[in-house]
PDB file of all heavy atoms in Angstrom:
ATOM      1  N   THR A   1       0.828  -1.297   0.009  1.00  0.00           N
ATOM      2  CA  THR A   1      -0.009  -0.052   0.011  1.00  0.00           C
ATOM      3  C   THR A   1       0.834   1.250   0.027  1.00  0.00           C
ATOM      4  O   THR A   1       0.525   2.243  -0.605  1.00  0.00           O
ATOM      5  CB  THR A   1      -0.926   0.037   1.148  1.00  0.00           C
ATOM      6  OG1 THR A   1      -1.717  -1.173   1.166  1.00  0.00           O
ATOM      7  CG2 THR A   1      -1.852   1.256   1.225  1.00  0.00           C
ATOM      8  N   LEU A   2       1.887   1.261   0.843  1.00  0.00           N
ATOM      9  CA  LEU A   2       2.927   2.367   0.766  1.00  0.00           C
ATOM     10  C   LEU A   2       3.453   2.631  -0.609  1.00  0.00           C
ATOM     11  O   LEU A   2       3.654   3.736  -1.007  1.00  0.00           O
ATOM     12  CB  LEU A   2       3.953   2.216   1.815  1.00  0.00           C
ATOM     13  CG  LEU A   2       3.502   2.408   3.287  1.00  0.00           C
ATOM     14  CD1 LEU A   2       4.614   2.070   4.254  1.00  0.00           C
ATOM     15  CD2 LEU A   2       3.064   3.861   3.620  1.00  0.00           C
ATOM     16  N   THR A   3       3.788   1.552  -1.236  1.00  0.00           N
ATOM     17  CA  THR A   3       4.306   1.591  -2.593  1.00  0.00           C
ATOM     18  C   THR A   3       3.348   2.258  -3.578  1.00  0.00           C
ATOM     19  O   THR A   3       3.741   3.107  -4.280  1.00  0.00           O
ATOM     20  CB  THR A   3       4.704   0.232  -3.104  1.00  0.00           C
ATOM     21  OG1 THR A   3       5.656  -0.362  -2.274  1.00  0.00           O
ATOM     22  CG2 THR A   3       5.220   0.308  -4.508  1.00  0.00           C
ATOM     23  N   LYS A   4       2.045   1.965  -3.338  1.00  0.00           N
ATOM     24  CA  LYS A   4       1.034   2.553  -4.215  1.00  0.00           C
ATOM     25  C   LYS A   4       0.788   4.034  -3.814  1.00  0.00           C
ATOM     26  O   LYS A   4       0.543   4.866  -4.741  1.00  0.00           O
ATOM     27  CB  LYS A   4      -0.248   1.810  -3.959  1.00  0.00           C
ATOM     28  CG  LYS A   4      -1.456   2.215  -4.877  1.00  0.00           C
ATOM     29  CD  LYS A   4      -2.525   1.210  -4.910  1.00  0.00           C
ATOM     30  CE  LYS A   4      -3.019   0.820  -3.570  1.00  0.00           C
ATOM     31  NZ  LYS A   4      -4.120  -0.105  -3.633  1.00  0.00           N
ATOM     32  N   LEU A   5       0.911   4.365  -2.664  1.00  0.00           N
ATOM     33  CA  LEU A   5       0.701   5.726  -2.150  1.00  0.00           C
ATOM     34  C   LEU A   5       1.828   6.680  -2.422  1.00  0.00           C
ATOM     35  O   LEU A   5       1.687   7.869  -2.695  1.00  0.00           O
ATOM     36  CB  LEU A   5       0.402   5.756  -0.636  1.00  0.00           C
ATOM     37  CG  LEU A   5      -0.982   5.544  -0.208  1.00  0.00           C
ATOM     38  CD1 LEU A   5      -1.016   5.447   1.326  1.00  0.00           C
ATOM     39  CD2 LEU A   5      -1.938   6.582  -0.699  1.00  0.00           C
ATOM     40  N   LEU A   6       3.084   6.193  -2.304  1.00  0.00           N
ATOM     41  CA  LEU A   6       4.263   7.133  -2.377  1.00  0.00           C
ATOM     42  C   LEU A   6       4.345   8.011  -3.586  1.00  0.00           C
ATOM     43  O   LEU A   6       4.622   9.233  -3.488  1.00  0.00           O
ATOM     44  CB  LEU A   6       5.561   6.280  -2.198  1.00  0.00           C
ATOM     45  CG  LEU A   6       5.816   5.891  -0.748  1.00  0.00           C
ATOM     46  CD1 LEU A   6       7.082   4.977  -0.780  1.00  0.00           C
ATOM     47  CD2 LEU A   6       6.087   7.125   0.104  1.00  0.00           C
ATOM     48  N   PRO A   7       4.081   7.485  -4.829  1.00  0.00           N
ATOM     49  CA  PRO A   7       4.097   8.334  -5.964  1.00  0.00           C
ATOM     50  C   PRO A   7       3.237   9.575  -5.819  1.00  0.00           C
ATOM     51  O   PRO A   7       3.594  10.738  -6.370  1.00  0.00           O
ATOM     52  CB  PRO A   7       3.700   7.478  -7.137  1.00  0.00           C
ATOM     53  CG  PRO A   7       4.083   6.068  -6.669  1.00  0.00           C
ATOM     54  CD  PRO A   7       3.856   6.111  -5.225  1.00  0.00           C
ATOM     55  N   GLY A   8       2.016   9.445  -5.317  1.00  0.00           N
ATOM     56  CA  GLY A   8       1.130  10.512  -5.088  1.00  0.00           C
ATOM     57  C   GLY A   8       1.446  11.419  -4.019  1.00  0.00           C
ATOM     58  O   GLY A   8       0.939  12.601  -3.989  1.00  0.00           O
ATOM     59  N   LEU A   9       2.476  11.080  -3.254  1.00  0.00           N
ATOM     60  CA  LEU A   9       2.844  12.018  -2.041  1.00  0.00           C
ATOM     61  C   LEU A   9       3.907  13.034  -2.526  1.00  0.00           C
ATOM     62  O   LEU A   9       4.251  13.980  -1.818  1.00  0.00           O
ATOM     63  CB  LEU A   9       3.338  11.190  -0.986  1.00  0.00           C
ATOM     64  CG  LEU A   9       2.321  10.204  -0.326  1.00  0.00           C
ATOM     65  CD1 LEU A   9       2.914   9.480   0.869  1.00  0.00           C
ATOM     66  CD2 LEU A   9       1.036  11.030   0.260  1.00  0.00           C
ATOM     67  N   TRP A  10       4.490  12.787  -3.693  1.00  0.00           N
ATOM     68  CA  TRP A  10       5.578  13.689  -4.150  1.00  0.00           C
ATOM     69  C   TRP A  10       4.779  15.009  -4.577  1.00  0.00           C
ATOM     70  O   TRP A  10       3.749  14.979  -5.143  1.00  0.00           O
ATOM     71  CB  TRP A  10       6.385  13.141  -5.319  1.00  0.00           C
ATOM     72  CG  TRP A  10       7.298  12.016  -4.916  1.00  0.00           C
ATOM     73  CD1 TRP A  10       6.969  10.630  -5.151  1.00  0.00           C
ATOM     74  CD2 TRP A  10       8.431  12.057  -4.170  1.00  0.00           C
ATOM     75  NE1 TRP A  10       7.997   9.953  -4.551  1.00  0.00           N
ATOM     76  CE2 TRP A  10       8.916  10.778  -3.995  1.00  0.00           C
ATOM     77  CE3 TRP A  10       9.222  13.132  -3.638  1.00  0.00           C
ATOM     78  CZ2 TRP A  10      10.050  10.402  -3.292  1.00  0.00           C
ATOM     79  CZ3 TRP A  10      10.306  12.805  -2.884  1.00  0.00           C
ATOM     80  CH2 TRP A  10      10.754  11.516  -2.778  1.00  0.00           C
ATOM     81  N   PRO A  11       5.471  16.126  -4.495  1.00  0.00           N
ATOM     82  CA  PRO A  11       4.887  17.467  -4.819  1.00  0.00           C
ATOM     83  C   PRO A  11       4.479  17.334  -6.322  1.00  0.00           C
ATOM     84  O   PRO A  11       5.270  16.892  -7.142  1.00  0.00           O
ATOM     85  CB  PRO A  11       5.976  18.430  -4.614  1.00  0.00           C
ATOM     86  CG  PRO A  11       6.860  17.815  -3.557  1.00  0.00           C
ATOM     87  CD  PRO A  11       6.765  16.348  -3.770  1.00  0.00           C
ATOM     88  N   GLY A  12       3.312  17.851  -6.567  1.00  0.00           N
ATOM     89  CA  GLY A  12       2.832  17.943  -8.003  1.00  0.00           C
ATOM     90  C   GLY A  12       2.202  16.692  -8.537  1.00  0.00           C
ATOM     91  O   GLY A  12       1.695  16.708  -9.626  1.00  0.00           O
ATOM     92  N   ARG A  13       2.168  15.584  -7.735  1.00  0.00           N
ATOM     93  CA  ARG A  13       1.646  14.383  -8.220  1.00  0.00           C
ATOM     94  C   ARG A  13       0.214  14.213  -7.829  1.00  0.00           C
ATOM     95  O   ARG A  13      -0.562  13.380  -8.394  1.00  0.00           O
ATOM     96  CB  ARG A  13       2.443  13.061  -7.816  1.00  0.00           C
ATOM     97  CG  ARG A  13       3.853  13.118  -8.432  1.00  0.00           C
ATOM     98  CD  ARG A  13       3.850  13.058  -9.934  1.00  0.00           C
ATOM     99  NE  ARG A  13       3.221  11.797 -10.303  1.00  0.00           N
ATOM    100  CZ  ARG A  13       3.772  10.646 -10.345  1.00  0.00           C
ATOM    101  NH1 ARG A  13       5.139  10.506 -10.175  1.00  0.00           N
ATOM    102  NH2 ARG A  13       3.149   9.587 -10.686  1.00  0.00           N
ATOM    103  N   GLY A  14      -0.313  14.761  -6.763  1.00  0.00           N
ATOM    104  CA  GLY A  14      -1.738  14.588  -6.262  1.00  0.00           C
ATOM    105  C   GLY A  14      -1.897  13.345  -5.577  1.00  0.00           C
ATOM    106  O   GLY A  14      -1.867  12.208  -6.142  1.00  0.00           O
ATOM    107  N   SER A  15      -2.043  13.371  -4.283  1.00  0.00           N
ATOM    108  CA  SER A  15      -2.225  12.118  -3.462  1.00  0.00           C
ATOM    109  C   SER A  15      -3.524  11.699  -3.233  1.00  0.00           C
ATOM    110  O   SER A  15      -3.804  10.675  -2.615  1.00  0.00           O
ATOM    111  CB  SER A  15      -1.583  12.497  -2.029  1.00  0.00           C
ATOM    112  OG  SER A  15      -2.353  13.450  -1.394  1.00  0.00           O
ATOM    113  N   GLY A  16      -4.567  12.429  -3.808  1.00  0.00           N
ATOM    114  CA  GLY A  16      -5.922  11.991  -3.602  1.00  0.00           C
ATOM    115  C   GLY A  16      -6.409  12.642  -2.356  1.00  0.00           C
ATOM    116  O   GLY A  16      -7.512  12.340  -1.893  1.00  0.00           O
ATOM    117  N   GLN A  17      -5.682  13.529  -1.601  1.00  0.00           N
ATOM    118  CA  GLN A  17      -6.114  14.047  -0.406  1.00  0.00           C
ATOM    119  C   GLN A  17      -6.585  15.490  -0.819  1.00  0.00           C
ATOM    120  O   GLN A  17      -6.122  16.260  -1.709  1.00  0.00           O
ATOM    121  CB  GLN A  17      -4.986  14.117   0.677  1.00  0.00           C
ATOM    122  CG  GLN A  17      -4.554  12.755   1.051  1.00  0.00           C
ATOM    123  CD  GLN A  17      -5.660  11.886   1.404  1.00  0.00           C
ATOM    124  OE1 GLN A  17      -6.462  12.105   2.436  1.00  0.00           O
ATOM    125  NE2 GLN A  17      -5.849  10.799   0.751  1.00  0.00           N
ATOM    126  N   ALA A  18      -7.406  16.065  -0.023  1.00  0.00           N
ATOM    127  CA  ALA A  18      -7.973  17.419  -0.181  1.00  0.00           C
ATOM    128  C   ALA A  18      -6.784  18.450   0.011  1.00  0.00           C
ATOM    129  O   ALA A  18      -5.899  18.277   0.726  1.00  0.00           O
ATOM    130  CB  ALA A  18      -9.080  17.738   0.761  1.00  0.00           C
ATOM    131  N   PRO A  19      -6.802  19.526  -0.821  1.00  0.00           N
ATOM    132  CA  PRO A  19      -5.940  20.548  -0.694  1.00  0.00           C
ATOM    133  C   PRO A  19      -5.941  21.123   0.590  1.00  0.00           C
ATOM    134  O   PRO A  19      -6.953  21.569   1.173  1.00  0.00           O
ATOM    135  CB  PRO A  19      -6.212  21.500  -1.867  1.00  0.00           C
ATOM    136  CG  PRO A  19      -7.615  21.276  -2.077  1.00  0.00           C
ATOM    137  CD  PRO A  19      -7.973  19.907  -1.750  1.00  0.00           C
ATOM    138  N   ALA A  20      -4.677  21.417   1.203  1.00  0.00           N
ATOM    139  CA  ALA A  20      -4.747  22.105   2.523  1.00  0.00           C
ATOM    140  C   ALA A  20      -4.786  23.655   2.377  1.00  0.00           C
ATOM    141  O   ALA A  20      -4.229  24.166   1.351  1.00  0.00           O
ATOM    142  CB  ALA A  20      -3.402  21.740   3.264  1.00  0.00           C
ATOM    143  N   ALA A  21      -5.448  24.257   3.206  1.00  0.00           N
ATOM    144  CA  ALA A  21      -5.547  25.687   3.195  1.00  0.00           C
ATOM    145  C   ALA A  21      -4.257  26.325   3.705  1.00  0.00           C
ATOM    146  O   ALA A  21      -3.534  25.626   4.406  1.00  0.00           O
ATOM    147  CB  ALA A  21      -6.722  26.158   4.028  1.00  0.00           C
ATOM    148  N   LYS A  22      -4.144  27.541   3.378  1.00  0.00           N
ATOM    149  CA  LYS A  22      -2.876  28.078   3.814  1.00  0.00           C
ATOM    150  C   LYS A  22      -2.734  28.366   5.265  1.00  0.00           C
ATOM    151  O   LYS A  22      -3.695  28.669   5.980  1.00  0.00           O
ATOM    152  CB  LYS A  22      -2.648  29.524   3.113  1.00  0.00           C
ATOM    153  CG  LYS A  22      -2.478  29.435   1.518  1.00  0.00           C
ATOM    154  CD  LYS A  22      -2.376  30.748   1.023  1.00  0.00           C
ATOM    155  CE  LYS A  22      -2.265  30.676  -0.613  1.00  0.00           C
ATOM    156  NZ  LYS A  22      -2.107  31.989  -1.194  1.00  0.00           N
ATOM    157  N   GLY A  23      -1.553  28.170   5.846  1.00  0.00           N
ATOM    158  CA  GLY A  23      -1.391  28.439   7.216  1.00  0.00           C
ATOM    159  C   GLY A  23      -1.707  27.236   8.036  1.00  0.00           C
ATOM    160  O   GLY A  23      -2.263  26.261   7.672  1.00  0.00           O
ATOM    161  N   THR A  24      -1.309  27.397   9.368  1.00  0.00           N
ATOM    162  CA  THR A  24      -1.544  26.338  10.325  1.00  0.00           C
ATOM    163  C   THR A  24      -2.975  26.438  10.888  1.00  0.00           C
ATOM    164  O   THR A  24      -3.616  27.484  10.796  1.00  0.00           O
ATOM    165  CB  THR A  24      -0.588  26.353  11.501  1.00  0.00           C
ATOM    166  OG1 THR A  24      -0.670  27.737  12.185  1.00  0.00           O
ATOM    167  CG2 THR A  24       0.823  26.116  11.100  1.00  0.00           C
ATOM    168  N   VAL A  25      -3.533  25.327  11.424  1.00  0.00           N
ATOM    169  CA  VAL A  25      -4.812  25.361  11.983  1.00  0.00           C
ATOM    170  C   VAL A  25      -4.805  25.916  13.457  1.00  0.00           C
ATOM    171  O   VAL A  25      -4.084  25.449  14.340  1.00  0.00           O
ATOM    172  CB  VAL A  25      -5.448  23.996  12.054  1.00  0.00           C
ATOM    173  CG1 VAL A  25      -6.834  23.985  12.608  1.00  0.00           C
ATOM    174  CG2 VAL A  25      -5.601  23.439  10.567  1.00  0.00           C
ATOM    175  N   PRO A  26      -5.435  27.094  13.700  1.00  0.00           N
ATOM    176  CA  PRO A  26      -5.390  27.690  15.051  1.00  0.00           C
ATOM    177  C   PRO A  26      -6.422  26.894  16.054  1.00  0.00           C
ATOM    178  O   PRO A  26      -7.136  26.036  15.676  1.00  0.00           O
ATOM    179  CB  PRO A  26      -6.014  29.046  14.800  1.00  0.00           C
ATOM    180  CG  PRO A  26      -6.934  28.860  13.672  1.00  0.00           C
ATOM    181  CD  PRO A  26      -6.412  27.846  12.805  1.00  0.00           C
ATOM    182  N   ARG A  27      -6.235  27.139  17.251  1.00  0.00           N
ATOM    183  CA  ARG A  27      -7.105  26.495  18.288  1.00  0.00           C
ATOM    184  C   ARG A  27      -8.074  27.573  18.670  1.00  0.00           C
ATOM    185  O   ARG A  27      -7.817  28.783  18.698  1.00  0.00           O
ATOM    186  CB  ARG A  27      -6.420  26.168  19.621  1.00  0.00           C
ATOM    187  CG  ARG A  27      -5.642  24.815  19.356  1.00  0.00           C
ATOM    188  CD  ARG A  27      -5.169  24.260  20.759  1.00  0.00           C
ATOM    189  NE  ARG A  27      -4.387  22.993  20.449  1.00  0.00           N
ATOM    190  CZ  ARG A  27      -4.926  21.806  20.544  1.00  0.00           C
ATOM    191  NH1 ARG A  27      -6.300  21.638  20.639  1.00  0.00           N
ATOM    192  NH2 ARG A  27      -4.274  20.696  20.307  1.00  0.00           N
ATOM    193  N   THR A  28      -9.348  27.079  18.927  1.00  0.00           N
ATOM    194  CA  THR A  28     -10.396  27.952  19.380  1.00  0.00           C
ATOM    195  C   THR A  28     -10.965  27.427  20.745  1.00  0.00           C
ATOM    196  O   THR A  28     -10.541  26.368  21.217  1.00  0.00           O
ATOM    197  CB  THR A  28     -11.644  27.926  18.309  1.00  0.00           C
ATOM    198  OG1 THR A  28     -12.185  26.674  18.422  1.00  0.00           O
ATOM    199  CG2 THR A  28     -11.110  28.189  16.951  1.00  0.00           C
ATOM    200  N   PRO A  29     -11.912  28.102  21.399  1.00  0.00           N
ATOM    201  CA  PRO A  29     -12.401  27.547  22.583  1.00  0.00           C
ATOM    202  C   PRO A  29     -13.166  26.262  22.382  1.00  0.00           C
ATOM    203  O   PRO A  29     -13.343  25.507  23.358  1.00  0.00           O
ATOM    204  CB  PRO A  29     -13.522  28.564  22.960  1.00  0.00           C
ATOM    205  CG  PRO A  29     -12.994  29.861  22.381  1.00  0.00           C
ATOM    206  CD  PRO A  29     -12.349  29.479  21.045  1.00  0.00           C
ATOM    207  N   PHE A  30     -13.548  25.861  21.125  1.00  0.00           N
ATOM    208  CA  PHE A  30     -14.081  24.552  20.892  1.00  0.00           C
ATOM    209  C   PHE A  30     -13.113  23.358  20.796  1.00  0.00           C
ATOM    210  O   PHE A  30     -13.514  22.256  20.670  1.00  0.00           O
ATOM    211  CB  PHE A  30     -14.848  24.610  19.551  1.00  0.00           C
ATOM    212  CG  PHE A  30     -15.910  25.691  19.634  1.00  0.00           C
ATOM    213  CD1 PHE A  30     -15.881  26.738  18.700  1.00  0.00           C
ATOM    214  CD2 PHE A  30     -16.952  25.661  20.535  1.00  0.00           C
ATOM    215  CE1 PHE A  30     -16.796  27.776  18.654  1.00  0.00           C
ATOM    216  CE2 PHE A  30     -17.923  26.733  20.469  1.00  0.00           C
ATOM    217  CZ  PHE A  30     -17.843  27.772  19.608  1.00  0.00           C
ATOM    218  N   ASN A  31     -11.795  23.735  20.738  1.00  0.00           N
ATOM    219  CA  ASN A  31     -10.760  22.749  20.407  1.00  0.00           C
ATOM    220  C   ASN A  31      -9.954  22.339  21.712  1.00  0.00           C
ATOM    221  O   ASN A  31      -8.827  22.417  21.730  1.00  0.00           O
ATOM    222  CB  ASN A  31      -9.890  23.309  19.324  1.00  0.00           C
ATOM    223  CG  ASN A  31     -10.564  23.583  18.135  1.00  0.00           C
ATOM    224  OD1 ASN A  31     -10.365  24.674  17.516  1.00  0.00           O
ATOM    225  ND2 ASN A  31     -11.426  22.603  17.598  1.00  0.00           N
ATOM    226  N   HIS A  32     -10.690  21.955  22.682  1.00  0.00           N
ATOM    227  CA  HIS A  32     -10.176  21.476  23.952  1.00  0.00           C
ATOM    228  C   HIS A  32     -10.961  20.227  24.481  1.00  0.00           C
ATOM    229  O   HIS A  32     -11.782  19.649  23.741  1.00  0.00           O
ATOM    230  CB  HIS A  32     -10.233  22.644  25.026  1.00  0.00           C
ATOM    231  CG  HIS A  32      -9.301  23.864  24.668  1.00  0.00           C
ATOM    232  ND1 HIS A  32      -7.962  23.713  24.539  1.00  0.00           N
ATOM    233  CD2 HIS A  32      -9.608  25.083  24.170  1.00  0.00           C
ATOM    234  CE1 HIS A  32      -7.461  24.889  24.245  1.00  0.00           C
ATOM    235  NE2 HIS A  32      -8.440  25.714  23.933  1.00  0.00           N
ATOM    236  N   ALA A  33     -10.650  19.817  25.752  1.00  0.00           N
ATOM    237  CA  ALA A  33     -11.309  18.597  26.250  1.00  0.00           C
ATOM    238  C   ALA A  33     -12.814  18.753  26.085  1.00  0.00           C
ATOM    239  O   ALA A  33     -13.371  19.765  26.300  1.00  0.00           O
ATOM    240  CB  ALA A  33     -10.880  18.470  27.661  1.00  0.00           C
ATOM    241  N   VAL A  34     -13.440  17.615  25.867  1.00  0.00           N
ATOM    242  CA  VAL A  34     -14.948  17.501  25.625  1.00  0.00           C
ATOM    243  C   VAL A  34     -15.490  16.793  26.800  1.00  0.00           C
ATOM    244  O   VAL A  34     -15.124  15.680  27.160  1.00  0.00           O
ATOM    245  CB  VAL A  34     -15.139  16.739  24.305  1.00  0.00           C
ATOM    246  CG1 VAL A  34     -16.658  16.462  24.121  1.00  0.00           C
ATOM    247  CG2 VAL A  34     -14.573  17.474  23.051  1.00  0.00           C
ATOM    248  N   ASP A  35     -16.513  17.503  27.427  1.00  0.00           N
ATOM    249  CA  ASP A  35     -17.223  16.838  28.519  1.00  0.00           C
ATOM    250  C   ASP A  35     -18.285  15.858  28.022  1.00  0.00           C
ATOM    251  O   ASP A  35     -18.518  15.726  26.943  1.00  0.00           O
ATOM    252  CB  ASP A  35     -17.960  17.970  29.386  1.00  0.00           C
ATOM    253  CG  ASP A  35     -16.959  18.777  30.089  1.00  0.00           C
ATOM    254  OD1 ASP A  35     -15.768  18.381  30.340  1.00  0.00           O
ATOM    255  OD2 ASP A  35     -17.307  19.931  30.501  1.00  0.00           O
ATOM    256  N   ALA A  36     -18.945  15.135  29.050  1.00  0.00           N
ATOM    257  CA  ALA A  36     -19.867  14.020  28.590  1.00  0.00           C
ATOM    258  C   ALA A  36     -21.267  14.584  28.213  1.00  0.00           C
ATOM    259  O   ALA A  36     -21.991  13.822  27.576  1.00  0.00           O
ATOM    260  CB  ALA A  36     -19.972  13.078  29.808  1.00  0.00           C
ATOM    261  N   ASP A  37     -21.620  15.796  28.617  1.00  0.00           N
ATOM    262  CA  ASP A  37     -22.949  16.290  28.298  1.00  0.00           C
ATOM    263  C   ASP A  37     -22.980  16.747  26.906  1.00  0.00           C
ATOM    264  O   ASP A  37     -22.070  16.919  26.127  1.00  0.00           O
ATOM    265  CB  ASP A  37     -23.421  17.436  29.236  1.00  0.00           C
ATOM    266  CG  ASP A  37     -22.517  18.699  28.845  1.00  0.00           C
ATOM    267  OD1 ASP A  37     -21.373  18.654  29.157  1.00  0.00           O
ATOM    268  OD2 ASP A  37     -23.048  19.648  28.328  1.00  0.00           O
ATOM    269  N   ARG A  38     -24.224  16.975  26.325  1.00  0.00           N
ATOM    270  CA  ARG A  38     -24.310  17.457  24.831  1.00  0.00           C
ATOM    271  C   ARG A  38     -25.452  18.679  24.878  1.00  0.00           C
ATOM    272  O   ARG A  38     -26.487  18.599  25.530  1.00  0.00           O
ATOM    273  CB  ARG A  38     -24.766  16.330  23.980  1.00  0.00           C
ATOM    274  CG  ARG A  38     -23.841  15.213  23.777  1.00  0.00           C
ATOM    275  CD  ARG A  38     -22.509  15.758  23.176  1.00  0.00           C
ATOM    276  NE  ARG A  38     -21.444  14.713  22.981  1.00  0.00           N
ATOM    277  CZ  ARG A  38     -20.516  14.536  23.814  1.00  0.00           C
ATOM    278  NH1 ARG A  38     -20.441  15.336  24.799  1.00  0.00           N
ATOM    279  NH2 ARG A  38     -19.605  13.630  23.516  1.00  0.00           N
ATOM    280  N   VAL A  39     -25.046  19.636  24.026  1.00  0.00           N
ATOM    281  CA  VAL A  39     -26.062  20.787  23.769  1.00  0.00           C
ATOM    282  C   VAL A  39     -26.171  20.785  22.254  1.00  0.00           C
ATOM    283  O   VAL A  39     -25.237  20.732  21.563  1.00  0.00           O
ATOM    284  CB  VAL A  39     -25.335  22.030  24.280  1.00  0.00           C
ATOM    285  CG1 VAL A  39     -26.065  23.319  23.740  1.00  0.00           C
ATOM    286  CG2 VAL A  39     -25.151  22.123  25.760  1.00  0.00           C
ATOM    287  N   ILE A  40     -27.452  21.017  21.907  1.00  0.00           N
ATOM    288  CA  ILE A  40     -27.765  21.018  20.435  1.00  0.00           C
ATOM    289  C   ILE A  40     -28.555  22.169  20.078  1.00  0.00           C
ATOM    290  O   ILE A  40     -29.150  22.910  20.917  1.00  0.00           O
ATOM    291  CB  ILE A  40     -28.560  19.747  20.033  1.00  0.00           C
ATOM    292  CG1 ILE A  40     -29.938  19.784  20.564  1.00  0.00           C
ATOM    293  CG2 ILE A  40     -27.783  18.495  20.478  1.00  0.00           C
ATOM    294  CD1 ILE A  40     -30.928  18.813  19.793  1.00  0.00           C
ATOM    295  N   GLY A  41     -28.720  22.442  18.823  1.00  0.00           N
ATOM    296  CA  GLY A  41     -29.557  23.572  18.297  1.00  0.00           C
ATOM    297  C   GLY A  41     -29.529  23.435  16.724  1.00  0.00           C
ATOM    298  O   GLY A  41     -28.739  22.638  16.259  1.00  0.00           O
ATOM    299  N   HIS A  42     -30.359  24.353  16.206  1.00  0.00           N
ATOM    300  CA  HIS A  42     -30.301  24.316  14.644  1.00  0.00           C
ATOM    301  C   HIS A  42     -30.922  25.560  14.076  1.00  0.00           C
ATOM    302  O   HIS A  42     -31.575  26.350  14.802  1.00  0.00           O
ATOM    303  CB  HIS A  42     -31.189  23.166  14.091  1.00  0.00           C
ATOM    304  CG  HIS A  42     -32.668  23.373  14.083  1.00  0.00           C
ATOM    305  ND1 HIS A  42     -33.459  23.491  15.232  1.00  0.00           N
ATOM    306  CD2 HIS A  42     -33.489  23.434  13.078  1.00  0.00           C
ATOM    307  CE1 HIS A  42     -34.683  23.700  14.961  1.00  0.00           C
ATOM    308  NE2 HIS A  42     -34.714  23.700  13.508  1.00  0.00           N
TER     309      HIS A  42
END
């Protein structure tokens, strides 16, 4: 499987993964430990 994947991991070959947006992913108040309760809405 790695042999099949490696060619697509080289720059410009297209790995089948979605394009990454520019910059690193920041943390928000939602990106921390998750408690057991749930709140919903719509």
